[in-house]
C-alpha atoms as a PDB file:
ATOM      1  CA  MET A   1     183.736   0.311 250.008  1.00  0.00           C
ATOM      2  CA  LYS A   2     181.865   1.479 246.912  1.00  0.00           C
ATOM      3  CA  ASP A   3     179.590  -1.567 247.094  1.00  0.00           C
ATOM      4  CA  PHE A   4     178.826  -0.816 250.721  1.00  0.00           C
ATOM      5  CA  PHE A   5     177.588   2.703 249.958  1.00  0.00           C
ATOM      6  CA  LEU A   6     175.653   1.459 246.951  1.00  0.00           C
ATOM      7  CA  ASN A   7     173.921  -1.037 249.210  1.00  0.00           C
ATOM      8  CA  VAL A   8     173.196   1.608 251.874  1.00  0.00           C
ATOM      9  CA  THR A   9     171.576   3.914 249.302  1.00  0.00           C
ATOM     10  CA  ARG A  10     169.048   1.203 248.479  1.00  0.00           C
ATOM     11  CA  TYR A  11     167.468   1.213 251.933  1.00  0.00           C
ATOM     12  CA  PRO A  12     165.760   4.648 251.747  1.00  0.00           C
ATOM     13  CA  ARG A  13     164.259   3.696 248.394  1.00  0.00           C
ATOM     14  CA  TYR A  14     163.017   0.435 249.899  1.00  0.00           C
ATOM     15  CA  LEU A  15     161.537   2.304 252.869  1.00  0.00           C
ATOM     16  CA  VAL A  16     159.676   4.741 250.597  1.00  0.00           C
ATOM     17  CA  ALA A  17     158.379   1.927 248.388  1.00  0.00           C
ATOM     18  CA  PHE A  18     157.270  -0.086 251.412  1.00  0.00           C
ATOM     19  CA  GLY A  19     155.517   2.921 252.966  1.00  0.00           C
ATOM     20  CA  LEU A  20     153.687   3.739 249.740  1.00  0.00           C
ATOM     21  CA  GLY A  21     152.605   0.116 249.399  1.00  0.00           C
ATOM     22  CA  VAL A  22     151.199   0.044 252.924  1.00  0.00           C
ATOM     23  CA  ALA A  23     149.448   3.392 252.414  1.00  0.00           C
ATOM     24  CA  ASN A  24     147.949   2.129 249.156  1.00  0.00           C
ATOM     25  CA  SER A  25     146.706  -1.042 250.857  1.00  0.00           C
ATOM     26  CA  VAL A  26     145.076   0.986 253.637  1.00  0.00           C
ATOM     27  CA  PHE A  27     143.613   3.914 251.719  1.00  0.00           C
ATOM     28  CA  GLU A  28     142.341   2.117 248.621  1.00  0.00           C
ATOM     29  CA  PRO A  29     139.517   0.249 250.438  1.00  0.00           C
ATOM     30  CA  LEU A  30     138.661   3.406 252.381  1.00  0.00           C
ATOM     31  CA  ALA A  31     138.430   5.431 249.183  1.00  0.00           C
ATOM     32  CA  ALA A  32     136.057   2.842 247.702  1.00  0.00           C
ATOM     33  CA  ARG A  33     133.773   3.170 250.721  1.00  0.00           C
ATOM     34  CA  ALA A  34     133.851   6.975 250.711  1.00  0.00           C
ATOM     35  CA  SER A  35     131.334   7.170 247.861  1.00  0.00           C
ATOM     36  CA  ASN A  36     128.530   6.819 250.427  1.00  0.00           C
ATOM     37  CA  PRO A  37     128.095  10.215 252.176  1.00  0.00           C
ATOM     38  CA  VAL A  38     127.375   8.707 255.597  1.00  0.00           C
ATOM     39  CA  THR A  39     130.474   6.531 255.421  1.00  0.00           C
ATOM     40  CA  ALA A  40     132.551   9.487 254.203  1.00  0.00           C
ATOM     41  CA  VAL A  41     131.495  11.552 257.215  1.00  0.00           C
ATOM     42  CA  ALA A  42     132.291   8.629 259.526  1.00  0.00           C
ATOM     43  CA  LEU A  43     135.740   8.203 257.946  1.00  0.00           C
ATOM     44  CA  ILE A  44     136.485  11.920 258.290  1.00  0.00           C
ATOM     45  CA  GLY A  45     135.340  11.840 261.917  1.00  0.00           C
ATOM     46  CA  ALA A  46     137.501   8.802 262.641  1.00  0.00           C
ATOM     47  CA  GLY A  47     140.504  10.487 261.031  1.00  0.00           C
ATOM     48  CA  VAL A  48     140.036  13.715 262.979  1.00  0.00           C
ATOM     49  CA  SER A  49     139.536  11.900 266.277  1.00  0.00           C
ATOM     50  CA  GLY A  50     142.633   9.792 265.583  1.00  0.00           C
ATOM     51  CA  LEU A  51     144.727  12.908 264.968  1.00  0.00           C
ATOM     52  CA  ILE A  52     143.383  14.559 268.126  1.00  0.00           C
ATOM     53  CA  SER A  53     144.135  11.427 270.162  1.00  0.00           C
ATOM     54  CA  LEU A  54     147.649  11.208 268.744  1.00  0.00           C
ATOM     55  CA  SER A  55     148.216  14.886 269.496  1.00  0.00           C
ATOM     56  CA  LEU A  56     147.045  14.540 273.104  1.00  0.00           C
ATOM     57  CA  VAL A  57     149.140  11.422 273.703  1.00  0.00           C
ATOM     58  CA  LEU A  58     152.277  13.037 272.267  1.00  0.00           C
ATOM     59  CA  HIS A  59     151.675  16.203 274.278  1.00  0.00           C
ATOM     60  CA  ALA A  60     151.305  14.152 277.456  1.00  0.00           C
ATOM     61  CA  MET A  61     154.500  12.248 276.689  1.00  0.00           C
ATOM     62  CA  VAL A  62     156.572  15.376 275.983  1.00  0.00           C
ATOM     63  CA  SER A  63     155.254  17.828 278.568  1.00  0.00           C
ATOM     64  CA  THR A  64     157.362  18.346 281.680  1.00  0.00           C
ATOM     65  CA  ALA A  65     154.587  19.574 283.980  1.00  0.00           C
ATOM     66  CA  PRO A  66     152.714  16.839 285.843  1.00  0.00           C
ATOM     67  CA  VAL A  67     149.103  16.409 284.812  1.00  0.00           C
ATOM     68  CA  ALA A  68     146.807  16.705 287.828  1.00  0.00           C
END
């Protein structure tokens, strides 16, 4: 039983390591392109519009009132 719990405790560490690796792979090329001011503004705009879109979609999924 001890080995089982030891094995289960490895999964959160794997999940964190995997998530950090994916984030590093995504944000490293974006950070290299952010040195150009026009590209930096475009990246900020894309990030803000993505967050707004995600917020609206989640609100539409969770709200109980029908949207008319």
